[in-house]
N, C-alpha and C. Protein backbone atom coordinates (compact mmCIF):
# COMPACT_ATOMS: atom_id res chain seq x y z
N MET A 1 -6.43 -13.91 -4.96
CA MET A 1 -6.24 -14.71 -5.43
C MET A 1 -5.56 -16.06 -3.68
N VAL A 2 -5.60 -16.86 -2.39
CA VAL A 2 -5.23 -17.34 -1.66
C VAL A 2 -5.08 -18.46 -2.40
N ARG A 3 -4.40 -19.42 -2.53
CA ARG A 3 -4.01 -20.70 -2.20
C ARG A 3 -2.91 -21.27 -1.67
N LEU A 4 -3.81 -22.47 -0.52
CA LEU A 4 -2.62 -23.24 -0.07
C LEU A 4 -2.22 -24.40 -0.51
N GLU A 5 -1.59 -24.58 -1.08
CA GLU A 5 -0.88 -26.60 -1.04
C GLU A 5 -0.46 -27.32 0.02
N HIS A 6 -0.94 -28.46 0.22
CA HIS A 6 -0.13 -29.37 1.11
C HIS A 6 -0.07 -28.86 2.71
N VAL A 7 -0.09 -27.80 2.95
CA VAL A 7 0.41 -26.81 4.18
C VAL A 7 0.02 -27.47 5.46
N THR A 8 1.42 -27.58 6.50
CA THR A 8 0.52 -28.38 7.52
C THR A 8 1.38 -27.29 8.68
N ALA A 9 0.82 -26.23 9.59
CA ALA A 9 1.63 -25.17 10.05
C ALA A 9 0.25 -25.27 11.50
N GLY A 10 1.04 -24.68 12.44
CA GLY A 10 0.51 -25.48 14.19
C GLY A 10 0.93 -23.85 14.86
N TYR A 11 1.31 -24.34 16.16
CA TYR A 11 1.46 -23.68 17.65
C TYR A 11 2.57 -24.90 18.21
N ARG A 12 3.11 -24.36 18.81
CA ARG A 12 3.68 -25.12 20.37
C ARG A 12 3.20 -24.67 21.75
N ARG A 13 2.42 -25.45 22.46
CA ARG A 13 2.18 -25.73 23.68
C ARG A 13 2.45 -26.37 24.62
N ASP A 14 2.92 -25.78 25.90
CA ASP A 14 3.24 -26.95 26.67
C ASP A 14 4.05 -28.24 25.97
N GLY A 15 5.20 -27.91 25.07
CA GLY A 15 5.76 -28.44 24.54
C GLY A 15 5.62 -29.18 23.19
N GLN A 16 4.20 -29.44 23.42
CA GLN A 16 3.53 -29.52 22.04
C GLN A 16 3.11 -29.30 20.51
N PHE A 17 3.09 -29.80 19.97
CA PHE A 17 2.63 -29.21 18.85
C PHE A 17 1.39 -29.54 18.23
N ARG A 18 0.42 -27.74 18.13
CA ARG A 18 -1.24 -27.97 18.18
C ARG A 18 -0.97 -27.54 16.88
N PRO A 19 -1.63 -28.31 15.97
CA PRO A 19 -2.06 -28.65 14.56
C PRO A 19 -2.85 -27.62 14.11
N VAL A 20 -2.59 -26.57 13.18
CA VAL A 20 -3.63 -25.44 12.86
C VAL A 20 -4.29 -26.87 11.42
N LEU A 21 -3.11 -26.25 10.17
CA LEU A 21 -3.72 -27.06 8.97
C LEU A 21 -2.35 -28.14 9.53
N LEU A 22 -2.78 -29.48 8.93
CA LEU A 22 -2.62 -30.75 8.37
C LEU A 22 -2.57 -31.20 7.08
N ASP A 23 -1.62 -30.48 6.09
CA ASP A 23 -1.62 -31.39 4.37
C ASP A 23 -3.14 -30.71 4.26
N GLN A 24 -3.24 -29.18 4.11
CA GLN A 24 -4.67 -28.73 3.93
C GLN A 24 -4.09 -28.09 2.61
N SER A 25 -4.98 -28.39 1.33
CA SER A 25 -5.09 -27.58 0.41
C SER A 25 -6.08 -26.96 -0.36
N LEU A 26 -6.28 -25.99 -0.54
CA LEU A 26 -7.46 -25.00 -0.48
C LEU A 26 -7.08 -23.54 -1.36
N MET A 27 -8.01 -22.95 -1.93
CA MET A 27 -8.22 -22.21 -2.70
C MET A 27 -9.43 -21.59 -1.96
N LEU A 28 -9.19 -20.24 -2.01
CA LEU A 28 -9.78 -18.89 -1.56
C LEU A 28 -10.41 -17.66 -2.87
N SER A 29 -11.80 -17.92 -3.96
CA SER A 29 -12.00 -17.13 -4.58
C SER A 29 -11.52 -15.63 -4.10
N PRO A 30 -11.27 -14.76 -5.04
CA PRO A 30 -11.22 -13.21 -4.40
C PRO A 30 -12.35 -12.52 -4.63
N GLY A 31 -13.29 -11.67 -3.96
CA GLY A 31 -13.79 -11.02 -3.59
C GLY A 31 -14.95 -11.19 -2.27
N ARG A 32 -14.46 -12.43 -1.82
CA ARG A 32 -15.22 -13.02 -0.75
C ARG A 32 -15.57 -12.97 0.74
N ALA A 33 -16.34 -12.86 1.65
CA ALA A 33 -16.02 -12.63 2.60
C ALA A 33 -16.58 -13.94 3.70
N LEU A 34 -15.37 -14.77 4.21
CA LEU A 34 -15.38 -15.75 4.71
C LEU A 34 -15.41 -15.95 6.18
N ALA A 35 -16.11 -16.25 6.63
CA ALA A 35 -16.20 -16.52 8.19
C ALA A 35 -15.51 -17.20 8.77
N VAL A 36 -14.29 -17.18 9.37
CA VAL A 36 -13.26 -18.07 9.84
C VAL A 36 -14.11 -18.76 11.31
N LEU A 37 -14.52 -19.77 11.17
CA LEU A 37 -15.06 -20.33 12.69
C LEU A 37 -14.55 -21.82 13.29
N GLY A 38 -14.21 -21.68 14.28
CA GLY A 38 -13.88 -23.42 14.79
C GLY A 38 -14.16 -23.23 16.98
N ARG A 39 -13.94 -23.92 17.30
CA ARG A 39 -13.69 -23.57 18.50
C ARG A 39 -12.53 -23.07 19.07
N THR A 40 -12.50 -22.60 20.59
CA THR A 40 -11.57 -22.36 20.46
C THR A 40 -10.33 -22.81 20.91
N GLY A 41 -9.03 -22.69 20.40
CA GLY A 41 -8.23 -23.17 20.43
C GLY A 41 -7.59 -23.73 19.50
N ALA A 42 -8.59 -23.58 18.02
CA ALA A 42 -8.50 -24.53 16.67
C ALA A 42 -8.10 -24.21 15.88
N GLY A 43 -7.30 -22.61 16.54
CA GLY A 43 -6.26 -22.07 15.16
C GLY A 43 -7.06 -20.95 14.32
N LYS A 44 -8.02 -20.21 14.84
CA LYS A 44 -8.17 -19.23 13.82
C LYS A 44 -7.22 -18.22 14.07
N SER A 45 -6.69 -17.50 15.06
CA SER A 45 -6.18 -16.65 14.88
C SER A 45 -4.84 -16.59 13.91
N THR A 46 -4.25 -18.25 14.17
CA THR A 46 -2.95 -18.41 13.46
C THR A 46 -3.05 -18.46 11.94
N PHE A 47 -4.42 -19.31 11.44
CA PHE A 47 -4.28 -19.30 10.39
C PHE A 47 -5.02 -18.27 9.36
N LEU A 48 -5.13 -16.61 10.08
CA LEU A 48 -5.17 -15.55 9.47
C LEU A 48 -3.95 -15.23 9.39
N ARG A 49 -2.47 -15.22 9.98
CA ARG A 49 -1.31 -15.01 10.47
C ARG A 49 -0.58 -15.97 9.35
N ILE A 50 -1.03 -16.97 8.87
CA ILE A 50 -0.32 -18.05 7.99
C ILE A 50 -1.05 -17.22 7.28
N VAL A 51 -2.07 -16.31 6.49
CA VAL A 51 -2.65 -15.87 5.51
C VAL A 51 -1.65 -15.12 4.67
N ALA A 52 -1.45 -14.60 5.83
CA ALA A 52 -1.02 -12.45 5.84
C ALA A 52 0.48 -12.86 5.77
N GLY A 53 1.18 -14.76 5.54
CA GLY A 53 2.70 -14.37 5.83
C GLY A 53 3.29 -14.33 7.39
N LEU A 54 2.77 -14.21 8.16
CA LEU A 54 3.27 -13.90 10.13
C LEU A 54 3.61 -15.12 10.36
N HIS A 55 3.02 -16.19 10.28
CA HIS A 55 3.44 -17.29 10.44
C HIS A 55 3.66 -18.28 9.69
N ARG A 56 5.22 -19.13 10.23
CA ARG A 56 6.03 -19.79 9.47
C ARG A 56 5.33 -21.48 9.15
N VAL A 57 4.89 -21.76 8.38
CA VAL A 57 4.45 -23.17 8.29
C VAL A 57 5.63 -24.60 7.93
N GLU A 58 5.26 -25.37 8.28
CA GLU A 58 6.07 -26.51 8.79
C GLU A 58 6.18 -26.88 7.25
N ARG A 59 5.40 -27.45 6.78
CA ARG A 59 5.50 -28.20 5.06
C ARG A 59 4.69 -27.39 3.64
N GLY A 60 4.40 -27.25 2.65
CA GLY A 60 3.66 -26.70 1.74
C GLY A 60 4.11 -25.73 1.86
N GLN A 61 3.13 -24.83 0.66
CA GLN A 61 3.40 -23.45 0.52
C GLN A 61 2.07 -22.72 -0.15
N VAL A 62 2.09 -21.52 0.45
CA VAL A 62 1.35 -20.48 0.82
C VAL A 62 0.90 -19.50 -0.57
N GLU A 63 0.09 -19.20 -0.78
CA GLU A 63 0.38 -18.23 -2.23
C GLU A 63 -1.08 -17.45 -2.49
N VAL A 64 -0.53 -15.49 -2.16
CA VAL A 64 -1.25 -14.67 -2.38
C VAL A 64 -1.16 -13.69 -3.26
N THR A 65 -2.29 -13.38 -3.78
CA THR A 65 -1.49 -12.30 -4.73
C THR A 65 -2.65 -10.87 -4.55
N GLU A 66 -3.53 -11.40 -3.47
CA GLU A 66 -4.17 -9.47 -3.10
C GLU A 66 -3.18 -9.11 -2.12
N LYS A 67 -3.55 -8.22 -2.57
CA LYS A 67 -3.07 -6.85 -1.61
C LYS A 67 -3.92 -6.61 -0.19
N THR A 68 -2.97 -7.10 0.75
CA THR A 68 -3.27 -7.98 2.02
C THR A 68 -3.34 -7.18 3.38
N SER A 69 -4.26 -7.05 4.02
CA SER A 69 -4.17 -6.51 5.58
C SER A 69 -3.73 -7.15 6.10
N TRP A 70 -2.68 -6.42 7.35
CA TRP A 70 -2.61 -7.77 8.74
C TRP A 70 -3.41 -8.14 9.11
N THR A 71 -3.43 -8.76 10.50
CA THR A 71 -4.40 -9.52 10.94
C THR A 71 -5.20 -7.82 11.66
N MET A 72 -6.42 -7.58 11.61
CA MET A 72 -7.10 -6.68 12.07
C MET A 72 -7.70 -7.02 13.51
N GLY A 73 -6.81 -6.23 14.35
CA GLY A 73 -7.76 -6.21 16.50
C GLY A 73 -7.04 -5.27 17.23
N PRO A 74 -6.80 -6.18 18.36
CA PRO A 74 -6.04 -5.31 19.02
C PRO A 74 -4.79 -4.97 18.94
N GLN A 75 -4.22 -5.80 18.15
CA GLN A 75 -2.30 -6.25 17.46
C GLN A 75 -2.27 -5.34 16.37
N GLY A 76 -1.33 -5.42 15.65
CA GLY A 76 -0.96 -4.69 14.65
C GLY A 76 0.11 -4.68 14.53
N PRO A 77 0.31 -4.32 13.39
CA PRO A 77 2.08 -4.19 12.63
C PRO A 77 2.57 -2.69 12.68
N PHE A 78 2.32 -2.69 14.26
CA PHE A 78 2.96 -1.34 14.99
C PHE A 78 4.29 -1.30 15.72
N HIS A 79 5.01 -0.24 15.55
CA HIS A 79 5.98 -0.60 16.44
C HIS A 79 5.72 0.16 18.02
N GLU A 80 6.22 -0.50 18.84
CA GLU A 80 5.72 -0.40 20.67
C GLU A 80 5.95 1.46 20.95
N HIS A 81 7.77 1.37 19.98
CA HIS A 81 8.19 2.89 20.63
C HIS A 81 8.65 4.19 19.50
N GLN A 82 7.26 3.78 18.65
CA GLN A 82 6.88 4.77 17.59
C GLN A 82 5.81 5.28 17.71
N THR A 83 5.36 6.58 17.45
CA THR A 83 4.35 7.70 17.32
C THR A 83 3.14 6.32 16.66
N GLY A 84 2.18 7.04 17.27
CA GLY A 84 1.25 6.69 15.66
C GLY A 84 1.17 7.28 14.53
N ALA A 85 1.52 8.69 14.72
CA ALA A 85 1.92 9.27 13.00
C ALA A 85 2.95 8.02 12.52
N GLN A 86 4.14 7.70 13.67
CA GLN A 86 5.04 7.72 12.52
C GLN A 86 4.76 6.46 12.36
N ASN A 87 4.20 5.36 12.90
CA ASN A 87 3.92 4.01 12.38
C ASN A 87 2.83 3.89 11.40
N LEU A 88 2.29 5.22 11.12
CA LEU A 88 0.98 5.06 9.64
C LEU A 88 1.57 5.68 8.71
N ARG A 89 3.17 6.50 8.79
CA ARG A 89 3.77 6.72 7.67
C ARG A 89 4.17 5.81 7.25
N PHE A 90 5.39 5.37 8.18
CA PHE A 90 5.71 3.76 7.57
C PHE A 90 4.74 2.90 6.80
N LEU A 91 3.83 2.78 7.46
CA LEU A 91 2.78 1.64 6.49
C LEU A 91 2.65 2.45 4.87
N ALA A 92 2.20 3.70 5.15
CA ALA A 92 2.33 4.57 3.58
C ALA A 92 2.92 3.80 2.79
N ARG A 93 3.77 4.14 3.15
CA ARG A 93 5.30 3.95 2.37
C ARG A 93 5.33 2.54 1.76
N LEU A 94 4.91 1.18 2.91
CA LEU A 94 5.65 0.18 2.67
C LEU A 94 4.18 0.59 1.75
N TYR A 95 2.69 0.65 1.65
CA TYR A 95 1.63 0.27 0.70
C TYR A 95 1.66 1.48 0.00
N GLY A 96 2.72 2.32 -0.54
CA GLY A 96 1.99 3.13 -1.05
C GLY A 96 1.77 3.95 -2.73
N VAL A 97 1.31 4.95 -0.81
CA VAL A 97 0.15 5.96 -0.68
C VAL A 97 0.37 6.95 0.02
N ASN A 98 0.01 7.80 -0.26
CA ASN A 98 -0.07 9.40 0.19
C ASN A 98 0.25 9.50 2.04
N PRO A 99 1.65 9.52 2.86
CA PRO A 99 1.78 9.09 4.47
C PRO A 99 0.72 10.23 4.77
N GLU A 100 0.49 11.84 4.63
CA GLU A 100 -0.36 12.53 4.86
C GLU A 100 -1.87 12.23 5.12
N GLU A 101 -1.91 11.97 3.77
CA GLU A 101 -3.37 11.52 3.37
C GLU A 101 -3.96 10.27 4.50
N LEU A 102 -2.97 9.34 4.56
CA LEU A 102 -3.54 8.15 5.33
C LEU A 102 -3.69 9.00 6.59
N THR A 103 -2.73 9.50 6.79
CA THR A 103 -2.81 10.63 9.15
C THR A 103 -3.92 10.95 8.42
N ALA A 104 -4.04 11.64 8.22
CA ALA A 104 -5.31 12.54 7.96
C ALA A 104 -6.82 12.22 7.91
N PHE A 105 -6.63 10.61 7.31
CA PHE A 105 -7.60 10.00 7.42
C PHE A 105 -8.03 9.27 8.78
N VAL A 106 -7.15 8.62 8.97
CA VAL A 106 -7.35 7.91 10.21
C VAL A 106 -7.38 8.84 11.50
N SER A 107 -6.75 10.04 11.65
CA SER A 107 -7.54 10.85 12.37
C SER A 107 -8.73 11.71 12.68
N ASP A 108 -9.11 11.32 11.32
CA ASP A 108 -10.27 11.65 11.60
C ASP A 108 -11.87 10.79 11.66
N PHE A 109 -11.51 9.17 11.00
CA PHE A 109 -12.05 8.40 11.20
C PHE A 109 -12.03 7.74 12.55
N ALA A 110 -11.17 7.72 13.40
CA ALA A 110 -10.71 7.13 14.23
C ALA A 110 -10.66 7.86 15.64
N GLN A 111 -10.70 8.64 14.86
CA GLN A 111 -11.24 9.79 16.52
C GLN A 111 -9.71 9.67 17.32
N ILE A 112 -8.64 10.12 16.47
CA ILE A 112 -7.50 9.64 17.79
C ILE A 112 -5.84 10.94 17.94
N ASP A 113 -7.05 11.82 17.59
CA ASP A 113 -6.17 13.03 16.84
C ASP A 113 -5.01 13.37 18.45
N ARG A 114 -5.23 13.07 19.36
CA ARG A 114 -4.37 13.91 20.51
C ARG A 114 -4.20 12.65 21.04
N HIS A 115 -3.61 11.27 20.36
CA HIS A 115 -3.07 10.48 20.86
C HIS A 115 -1.81 10.04 19.08
N LEU A 116 -2.24 10.62 18.18
CA LEU A 116 -1.71 10.62 17.01
C LEU A 116 0.02 10.79 17.92
N HIS A 117 0.49 11.71 18.25
CA HIS A 117 1.99 11.59 18.27
C HIS A 117 2.79 11.06 20.16
N GLN A 118 1.94 10.48 20.63
CA GLN A 118 2.23 9.56 21.40
C GLN A 118 2.55 8.05 21.43
N PRO A 119 3.89 7.25 21.91
CA PRO A 119 4.12 6.54 21.79
C PRO A 119 2.75 5.29 21.86
N TYR A 120 3.34 4.05 21.01
CA TYR A 120 1.68 3.54 20.26
C TYR A 120 2.37 2.07 21.91
N SER A 121 2.98 1.83 22.13
CA SER A 121 3.15 1.44 23.36
C SER A 121 2.00 2.45 24.30
N THR A 122 1.26 3.17 24.61
CA THR A 122 0.90 3.92 25.69
C THR A 122 -0.52 3.58 26.03
N TYR A 123 -0.65 3.58 23.93
CA TYR A 123 -1.85 3.05 23.67
C TYR A 123 -3.11 1.63 24.13
N THR A 124 -4.66 1.90 25.05
CA THR A 124 -5.18 1.46 25.41
C THR A 124 -5.15 0.26 24.24
N PRO A 125 -6.13 -1.19 24.04
CA PRO A 125 -6.50 -2.53 23.43
C PRO A 125 -7.30 -0.80 22.54
N GLY A 126 -8.02 -0.62 23.20
CA GLY A 126 -9.53 0.05 22.14
C GLY A 126 -9.04 1.53 20.95
N LEU A 127 -7.85 1.94 21.87
CA LEU A 127 -6.87 2.40 20.92
C LEU A 127 -6.31 2.08 19.54
N ARG A 128 -5.54 0.76 20.15
CA ARG A 128 -5.24 -0.17 19.13
C ARG A 128 -6.13 -0.65 18.52
N ALA A 129 -6.86 -0.67 19.13
CA ALA A 129 -7.84 -1.26 16.86
C ALA A 129 -7.78 -0.42 16.51
N ARG A 130 -8.73 1.12 17.62
CA ARG A 130 -8.85 2.02 16.16
C ARG A 130 -7.54 2.42 15.21
N LEU A 131 -6.55 2.11 15.88
CA LEU A 131 -5.31 2.62 14.77
C LEU A 131 -5.11 1.43 14.14
N SER A 132 -5.47 -0.03 14.41
CA SER A 132 -5.17 -0.86 13.41
C SER A 132 -6.47 -0.41 12.09
N PHE A 133 -7.43 -0.96 12.80
CA PHE A 133 -8.77 -0.69 11.55
C PHE A 133 -8.95 0.49 10.67
N GLY A 134 -8.56 1.65 11.52
CA GLY A 134 -8.48 2.58 10.53
C GLY A 134 -7.54 2.94 9.42
N ALA A 135 -6.53 2.65 9.89
CA ALA A 135 -5.35 2.17 8.64
C ALA A 135 -5.35 1.29 7.24
N ALA A 136 -5.91 -0.02 7.98
CA ALA A 136 -6.41 -0.87 6.77
C ALA A 136 -7.56 -0.06 5.68
N MET A 137 -8.58 0.20 6.96
CA MET A 137 -9.69 0.48 6.77
C MET A 137 -8.72 2.20 5.60
N GLY A 138 -8.52 3.06 5.42
CA GLY A 138 -7.52 4.12 4.65
C GLY A 138 -6.62 3.62 3.29
N LEU A 139 -6.35 2.50 3.43
CA LEU A 139 -5.36 1.55 2.65
C LEU A 139 -6.04 1.14 1.13
N ARG A 140 -7.74 1.00 1.56
CA ARG A 140 -8.42 0.48 1.03
C ARG A 140 -7.61 -0.55 -0.56
N LEU A 141 -7.64 -1.76 0.31
CA LEU A 141 -6.87 -2.71 0.72
C LEU A 141 -7.39 -4.26 -0.65
N ASN A 142 -6.91 -5.22 -1.29
CA ASN A 142 -8.43 -5.89 -1.55
C ASN A 142 -9.08 -7.26 -1.01
N LEU A 143 -7.95 -7.67 0.46
CA LEU A 143 -8.67 -8.95 1.25
C LEU A 143 -8.02 -8.23 2.92
N TYR A 144 -9.12 -7.95 3.91
CA TYR A 144 -9.24 -7.28 4.61
C TYR A 144 -8.99 -8.78 5.47
N LEU A 145 -8.32 -9.15 6.38
CA LEU A 145 -8.63 -10.01 7.79
C LEU A 145 -8.29 -9.21 8.98
N LEU A 146 -9.37 -10.08 9.86
CA LEU A 146 -10.10 -9.42 11.09
C LEU A 146 -9.93 -10.66 12.01
N ASP A 147 -9.58 -9.97 12.89
CA ASP A 147 -9.58 -11.26 13.96
C ASP A 147 -10.42 -10.62 15.64
N ASP A 148 -11.55 -11.13 15.84
CA ASP A 148 -12.11 -10.84 16.64
C ASP A 148 -13.00 -9.49 16.77
N PRO A 149 -13.32 -8.68 15.69
CA PRO A 149 -13.63 -7.81 14.93
C PRO A 149 -14.10 -6.52 16.30
N MET A 150 -13.03 -5.78 16.31
CA MET A 150 -13.58 -4.31 17.60
C MET A 150 -13.56 -4.44 18.70
N THR A 151 -12.90 -5.56 19.06
CA THR A 151 -12.97 -6.53 20.28
C THR A 151 -12.13 -5.01 21.03
N GLY A 152 -12.72 -4.25 22.69
CA GLY A 152 -12.43 -3.26 23.21
C GLY A 152 -12.46 -2.13 22.77
N SER A 153 -13.67 -1.51 21.88
CA SER A 153 -13.83 -0.29 21.25
C SER A 153 -15.42 0.11 21.27
N ASP A 154 -15.58 1.48 21.40
CA ASP A 154 -16.58 1.48 22.04
C ASP A 154 -17.60 1.77 21.08
N ALA A 155 -19.20 1.83 21.31
CA ALA A 155 -20.39 1.19 20.51
C ALA A 155 -20.14 2.28 19.29
N SER A 156 -19.69 4.05 19.22
CA SER A 156 -20.34 4.95 18.59
C SER A 156 -19.38 4.06 17.22
N PHE A 157 -17.61 4.16 18.19
CA PHE A 157 -16.53 3.28 16.74
C PHE A 157 -17.44 2.63 16.13
N ARG A 158 -18.05 1.54 16.68
CA ARG A 158 -18.41 0.37 16.02
C ARG A 158 -19.16 0.06 15.24
N ARG A 159 -19.99 1.35 15.55
CA ARG A 159 -21.59 1.65 14.08
C ARG A 159 -20.69 2.39 13.06
N ARG A 160 -19.77 2.90 13.60
CA ARG A 160 -19.20 3.61 11.77
C ARG A 160 -18.52 2.99 11.59
N SER A 161 -17.64 2.06 11.61
CA SER A 161 -16.59 1.17 11.54
C SER A 161 -17.41 -0.07 10.48
N ARG A 162 -18.39 -0.70 10.74
CA ARG A 162 -18.98 -1.52 10.73
C ARG A 162 -19.70 -1.06 8.86
N LEU A 163 -20.18 0.19 9.29
CA LEU A 163 -20.62 1.16 7.68
C LEU A 163 -20.25 1.34 7.43
N LEU A 164 -18.16 1.93 7.34
CA LEU A 164 -17.15 1.81 6.41
C LEU A 164 -16.85 0.36 6.14
N PHE A 165 -17.05 -0.34 6.78
CA PHE A 165 -16.32 -1.48 6.29
C PHE A 165 -17.36 -2.27 4.88
N GLN A 166 -18.59 -2.47 5.12
CA GLN A 166 -19.65 -2.21 4.60
C GLN A 166 -19.44 -1.70 3.50
N GLN A 167 -18.88 -0.82 2.52
CA GLN A 167 -18.50 -0.04 1.92
C GLN A 167 -17.16 -1.24 1.11
N ARG A 168 -16.78 -1.03 2.02
CA ARG A 168 -15.32 -1.65 1.23
C ARG A 168 -15.20 -2.97 0.85
N LEU A 169 -16.29 -4.07 1.30
CA LEU A 169 -16.87 -5.40 0.60
C LEU A 169 -17.18 -5.01 -0.04
N GLN A 170 -17.63 -4.16 -0.95
CA GLN A 170 -18.32 -3.58 -2.66
C GLN A 170 -17.52 -4.54 -3.13
N THR A 171 -15.96 -4.14 -2.80
CA THR A 171 -15.22 -4.00 -3.72
C THR A 171 -14.01 -5.15 -3.31
N ALA A 172 -13.68 -5.43 -1.98
CA ALA A 172 -12.89 -6.21 -1.67
C ALA A 172 -13.54 -7.42 -0.57
N GLY A 173 -12.64 -8.70 -0.46
CA GLY A 173 -12.90 -9.64 0.36
C GLY A 173 -12.80 -9.83 1.36
N ALA A 174 -13.25 -10.48 2.46
CA ALA A 174 -12.27 -10.39 3.94
C ALA A 174 -12.31 -12.21 4.16
N LEU A 175 -11.24 -12.26 5.16
CA LEU A 175 -11.54 -13.47 6.05
C LEU A 175 -12.01 -12.96 7.50
N ILE A 176 -12.64 -13.21 8.45
CA ILE A 176 -13.31 -12.97 9.47
C ILE A 176 -13.13 -13.87 10.75
N ALA A 177 -12.15 -13.67 11.58
CA ALA A 177 -12.53 -14.59 12.32
C ALA A 177 -13.14 -14.19 13.48
N THR A 178 -14.50 -14.98 14.25
CA THR A 178 -14.61 -14.78 15.27
C THR A 178 -16.07 -15.24 16.23
N HIS A 179 -15.93 -15.52 17.07
CA HIS A 179 -17.59 -15.92 17.51
C HIS A 179 -18.51 -15.57 17.29
N ASP A 180 -18.46 -14.66 17.08
CA ASP A 180 -19.94 -13.84 16.86
C ASP A 180 -20.72 -14.16 15.57
N MET A 181 -22.09 -14.34 15.68
CA MET A 181 -22.30 -15.22 14.56
C MET A 181 -23.47 -14.22 13.90
N ARG A 182 -23.28 -12.58 14.47
CA ARG A 182 -24.39 -12.24 14.20
C ARG A 182 -23.44 -10.98 13.74
N TYR A 183 -22.25 -11.02 14.00
CA TYR A 183 -21.31 -10.35 13.42
C TYR A 183 -20.81 -11.08 11.70
N ALA A 184 -20.88 -12.52 11.85
CA ALA A 184 -20.70 -13.22 10.72
C ALA A 184 -22.02 -13.38 9.72
N ARG A 185 -22.93 -12.98 10.20
CA ARG A 185 -24.29 -13.20 9.45
C ARG A 185 -24.32 -12.00 8.43
N GLU A 186 -23.95 -10.75 9.23
CA GLU A 186 -23.26 -9.57 8.64
C GLU A 186 -22.73 -9.20 7.66
N PHE A 187 -21.85 -9.78 7.39
CA PHE A 187 -20.62 -9.20 6.59
C PHE A 187 -20.07 -10.30 5.42
N CYS A 188 -20.74 -12.07 6.22
CA CYS A 188 -19.59 -12.95 5.20
C CYS A 188 -20.61 -13.70 4.74
N ASP A 189 -20.60 -14.53 2.98
CA ASP A 189 -21.75 -14.93 2.71
C ASP A 189 -20.67 -16.06 2.75
N ALA A 190 -20.08 -17.15 3.05
CA ALA A 190 -19.18 -18.30 2.99
C ALA A 190 -18.84 -18.26 4.19
N GLY A 191 -18.72 -19.81 4.57
CA GLY A 191 -17.23 -19.91 5.89
C GLY A 191 -16.67 -21.52 6.17
N LEU A 192 -15.75 -20.91 6.18
CA LEU A 192 -14.74 -22.43 7.16
C LEU A 192 -14.79 -22.48 8.08
N VAL A 193 -14.46 -24.08 8.58
CA VAL A 193 -14.25 -23.97 9.90
C VAL A 193 -13.73 -25.25 10.19
N LEU A 194 -11.62 -24.44 11.22
CA LEU A 194 -11.29 -25.54 11.11
C LEU A 194 -11.59 -26.15 12.78
N GLU A 195 -10.98 -27.65 12.13
CA GLU A 195 -11.35 -28.80 13.65
C GLU A 195 -9.88 -29.89 12.95
N ASN A 196 -9.64 -29.75 13.77
CA ASN A 196 -7.84 -31.12 13.80
C ASN A 196 -7.47 -31.09 12.75
N GLY A 197 -6.94 -29.45 12.36
CA GLY A 197 -6.13 -30.17 11.72
C GLY A 197 -6.51 -29.92 10.36
N GLN A 198 -7.81 -29.59 9.57
CA GLN A 198 -8.72 -29.69 8.67
C GLN A 198 -9.48 -28.62 8.16
N VAL A 199 -9.52 -28.21 6.92
CA VAL A 199 -10.69 -26.65 7.03
C VAL A 199 -11.97 -27.39 6.37
N HIS A 200 -12.50 -27.03 6.33
CA HIS A 200 -14.08 -27.45 5.95
C HIS A 200 -14.55 -26.56 5.68
N MET A 201 -14.89 -26.77 4.02
CA MET A 201 -15.02 -24.96 3.52
C MET A 201 -16.71 -25.22 3.23
N PHE A 202 -17.42 -24.33 3.06
CA PHE A 202 -18.63 -23.92 2.89
C PHE A 202 -18.69 -23.13 1.95
N ASP A 203 -19.75 -23.11 0.75
CA ASP A 203 -20.31 -21.87 0.31
C ASP A 203 -21.58 -21.28 0.72
N GLU A 204 -22.34 -22.00 1.81
CA GLU A 204 -22.76 -21.04 2.60
C GLU A 204 -22.80 -21.25 3.71
N LEU A 205 -22.94 -20.05 4.39
CA LEU A 205 -22.49 -19.89 5.62
C LEU A 205 -23.31 -20.22 6.61
N GLU A 206 -23.98 -20.50 6.30
CA GLU A 206 -24.78 -21.04 7.20
C GLU A 206 -25.40 -22.77 7.53
N ASP A 207 -24.51 -22.84 6.20
CA ASP A 207 -23.72 -25.22 6.83
C ASP A 207 -22.63 -24.61 7.38
N ALA A 208 -21.31 -23.26 7.24
CA ALA A 208 -20.59 -23.39 8.31
C ALA A 208 -20.67 -22.96 9.74
N ILE A 209 -22.22 -22.36 9.85
CA ILE A 209 -22.41 -21.97 11.30
C ILE A 209 -23.31 -23.74 11.92
N ALA A 210 -23.66 -23.84 11.51
CA ALA A 210 -24.41 -25.03 11.59
C ALA A 210 -23.52 -26.33 12.05
N LEU A 211 -22.54 -26.47 11.21
CA LEU A 211 -21.10 -27.85 11.70
C LEU A 211 -20.19 -26.84 13.56
N TYR A 212 -19.85 -25.35 12.77
CA TYR A 212 -19.29 -24.33 13.74
C TYR A 212 -20.50 -25.02 15.66
N GLN A 213 -21.85 -24.67 15.22
CA GLN A 213 -22.54 -24.85 16.41
C GLN A 213 -22.40 -26.15 17.51
N SER A 214 -22.41 -27.64 16.07
CA SER A 214 -22.24 -28.71 16.46
C SER A 214 -21.40 -29.13 17.07
N LEU A 215 -19.94 -28.85 17.00
CA LEU A 215 -18.51 -28.74 17.24
C LEU A 215 -18.68 -28.09 18.54
N HIS A 216 -19.33 -26.92 19.28
CA HIS A 216 -19.17 -25.93 20.20
C HIS A 216 -20.07 -27.07 21.33
N ALA A 217 -21.24 -27.60 20.45
CA ALA A 217 -22.37 -28.46 21.94
C ALA A 217 -21.21 -29.53 22.05
N GLU A 218 -21.06 -30.29 21.24
CA GLU A 218 -20.12 -31.65 21.44
C GLU A 218 -18.96 -31.03 22.92
N ALA A 219 -18.51 -30.00 22.49
CA ALA A 219 -17.53 -29.73 23.20
C ALA A 219 -17.94 -28.98 24.47
N ALA A 220 -19.04 -28.40 25.03
CA ALA A 220 -20.16 -28.43 26.23
C ALA A 220 -19.84 -29.21 27.28
């Protein structure tokens, strides 16, 4: 379960506070895959970081009882000066799984064996996305947070990732921030739209997409 109670949070740009949430309360049911939609700058990435506990809120409370991933994408919870293998061992200990099994899974699935013992700082955005996604899939979590999924990855890895992610969603939920409505329709069964600090929740994905597209058209 993810519950937000009267949460106000945002980020600062050019010295000004840009709200992502303004006194917002909502509850996200476990096991659902929700598209997180909104215009550029609406705060989709920040919203995911709030749920992940990685972004400070100004007011209110955030309660997350699910075993949750980081925000998966080109960025991840990895130390720049450690190798890929060292980062995986740290994650395995943090989540209470076998380090060797997690490393073997990621090496095979993400096909990054020859890079595993190189510093993470040397990884390209595509390699970082592979390591991040592979690690999350290997941990078997309850809630996945995806930010612009598979940005920078090659077509072969994207195909493998989509198939495995579909399997994981049989027993887990997800929040997926994306501008790609095809991706949203493939994986999500509901959606929310961020706009001016407000969260508009929809049980039907197409209703969320309709609002997003109308806001996008207004901004064009």
